[in-house]
């Protein structure tokens, strides 16, 4: 079965991309350090059962592990549930990329701070 059309629309409208199944996401550090919104489907991959975000200091793998242990979510969030993500671009992320590519911050930027990472 496919994801409900109204749920697909959320992913399209807000530019979510499929990351992987929960079990594979838990093995990956691909998005460590990113602030993102994530959505988890039921194991049948027919509907979104949870939408959350990673706040400062909270990594997505930690959030997924917590969901897997939560008794209330048993049967709804399982190893074969899909995880979709939307990376929230922050000033820090852009400045960090700029500095890495150019060797310094833009002329008028004196520092970069992780206030919203």
Protein backbone atom coordinates (compact mmCIF):
# COMPACT_ATOMS: atom_id res chain seq x y z
CA UNK A 1 0.00 0.00 0.00
CA UNK A 2 1.05 3.56 -0.54
CA UNK A 3 1.13 6.52 1.78
CA UNK A 4 -2.21 8.35 1.99
CA UNK A 5 -2.46 11.12 -0.59
CA UNK A 6 -3.11 13.80 2.04
CA UNK A 7 0.02 12.68 3.92
CA UNK A 8 2.07 12.72 0.69
CA UNK A 9 0.90 16.32 0.21
CA UNK A 10 2.44 17.33 3.55
CA UNK A 11 5.79 15.89 2.44
CA UNK A 12 5.57 17.63 -0.93
CA UNK A 13 4.39 21.00 0.40
CA UNK A 14 7.08 21.15 3.09
CA UNK A 15 9.89 19.58 1.04
CA UNK A 16 10.40 16.42 3.08
CA UNK A 17 12.61 13.67 1.71
CA UNK A 18 12.62 10.01 2.64
CA UNK A 19 15.67 9.23 4.76
CA UNK A 20 15.31 5.51 5.39
CA UNK A 21 13.62 2.94 7.60
CA UNK A 22 14.01 3.51 11.36
CA UNK A 23 16.46 0.60 11.77
CA UNK A 24 18.81 2.08 9.13
CA UNK A 25 18.46 5.62 10.52
CA UNK A 26 19.54 4.37 13.95
CA UNK A 27 22.78 3.07 12.40
CA UNK A 28 23.60 6.35 10.62
CA UNK A 29 25.16 9.59 11.82
CA UNK A 30 24.38 11.31 8.52
CA UNK A 31 22.27 14.06 10.08
CA UNK A 32 24.01 14.49 13.45
CA UNK A 33 24.32 18.19 14.22
CA UNK A 34 21.51 19.23 11.89
CA UNK A 35 18.32 20.79 13.10
CA UNK A 36 15.48 19.10 11.29
CA UNK A 37 11.83 18.22 11.28
CA UNK A 38 11.19 14.51 10.96
CA UNK A 39 8.12 12.42 10.28
CA UNK A 40 7.66 8.73 10.99
CA UNK A 41 5.22 6.46 9.19
CA UNK A 42 3.49 3.40 10.52
CA UNK A 43 5.23 0.08 9.67
CA UNK A 44 2.80 -0.41 6.77
CA UNK A 45 4.01 2.95 5.37
CA UNK A 46 0.43 4.08 4.76
CA UNK A 47 0.23 7.07 7.09
CA UNK A 48 2.29 9.52 9.11
CA UNK A 49 2.06 8.60 12.79
CA UNK A 50 4.43 11.18 14.29
CA UNK A 51 5.98 14.54 13.38
CA UNK A 52 8.68 16.09 15.55
CA UNK A 53 11.83 18.17 15.41
CA UNK A 54 15.32 18.05 16.76
CA UNK A 55 16.00 20.94 19.06
CA UNK A 56 19.38 22.22 20.12
CA UNK A 57 21.32 19.41 21.76
CA UNK A 58 18.91 16.66 20.69
CA UNK A 59 20.00 14.41 17.86
CA UNK A 60 17.54 12.62 15.60
CA UNK A 61 18.86 9.14 16.46
CA UNK A 62 18.23 9.83 20.14
CA UNK A 63 14.71 10.94 19.35
CA UNK A 64 14.08 7.80 17.24
CA UNK A 65 15.42 5.56 20.02
CA UNK A 66 13.07 7.25 22.50
CA UNK A 67 10.11 6.69 20.17
CA UNK A 68 11.03 3.01 19.81
CA UNK A 69 11.06 2.57 23.62
CA UNK A 70 7.81 4.48 24.24
CA UNK A 71 5.10 1.91 25.06
CA UNK A 72 2.43 4.23 23.66
CA UNK A 73 4.08 4.08 20.24
CA UNK A 74 4.53 0.29 20.05
CA UNK A 75 2.93 -0.97 16.86
CA UNK A 76 2.95 2.53 15.40
CA UNK A 77 6.71 3.15 15.30
CA UNK A 78 8.72 0.04 14.44
CA UNK A 79 12.06 -0.79 12.82
CA UNK A 80 10.48 -0.88 9.37
CA UNK A 81 8.64 2.44 9.71
CA UNK A 82 9.91 5.06 7.27
CA UNK A 83 11.52 8.30 8.42
CA UNK A 84 11.18 11.45 6.33
CA UNK A 85 13.14 14.61 7.06
CA UNK A 86 13.16 18.30 6.30
CA UNK A 87 16.46 19.99 7.12
CA UNK A 88 15.97 23.39 8.70
CA UNK A 89 18.67 25.66 7.36
CA UNK A 90 20.09 27.93 10.04
CA UNK A 91 22.42 30.91 9.94
CA UNK A 92 25.10 28.79 11.61
CA UNK A 93 24.86 26.05 8.95
CA UNK A 94 25.24 28.55 6.11
CA UNK A 95 28.08 30.42 7.82
CA UNK A 96 29.84 27.15 8.61
CA UNK A 97 29.63 26.04 4.97
CA UNK A 98 30.80 29.48 3.79
CA UNK A 99 33.78 29.39 6.14
CA UNK A 100 34.70 25.86 5.08
CA UNK A 101 34.61 26.77 1.38
CA UNK A 102 36.29 30.18 1.68
CA UNK A 103 38.56 29.86 4.69
CA UNK A 104 36.88 32.72 6.55
CA UNK A 105 33.52 34.21 7.38
CA UNK A 106 31.97 36.90 5.14
CA UNK A 107 33.63 40.29 5.61
CA UNK A 108 31.04 41.73 7.97
CA UNK A 109 30.39 38.58 10.03
CA UNK A 110 32.58 38.56 13.13
CA UNK A 111 31.50 35.19 14.53
CA UNK A 112 29.09 32.32 14.14
CA UNK A 113 27.15 30.98 17.07
CA UNK A 114 25.14 27.80 17.41
CA UNK A 115 22.13 29.55 18.90
CA UNK A 116 19.62 27.64 16.75
CA UNK A 117 21.51 24.58 15.54
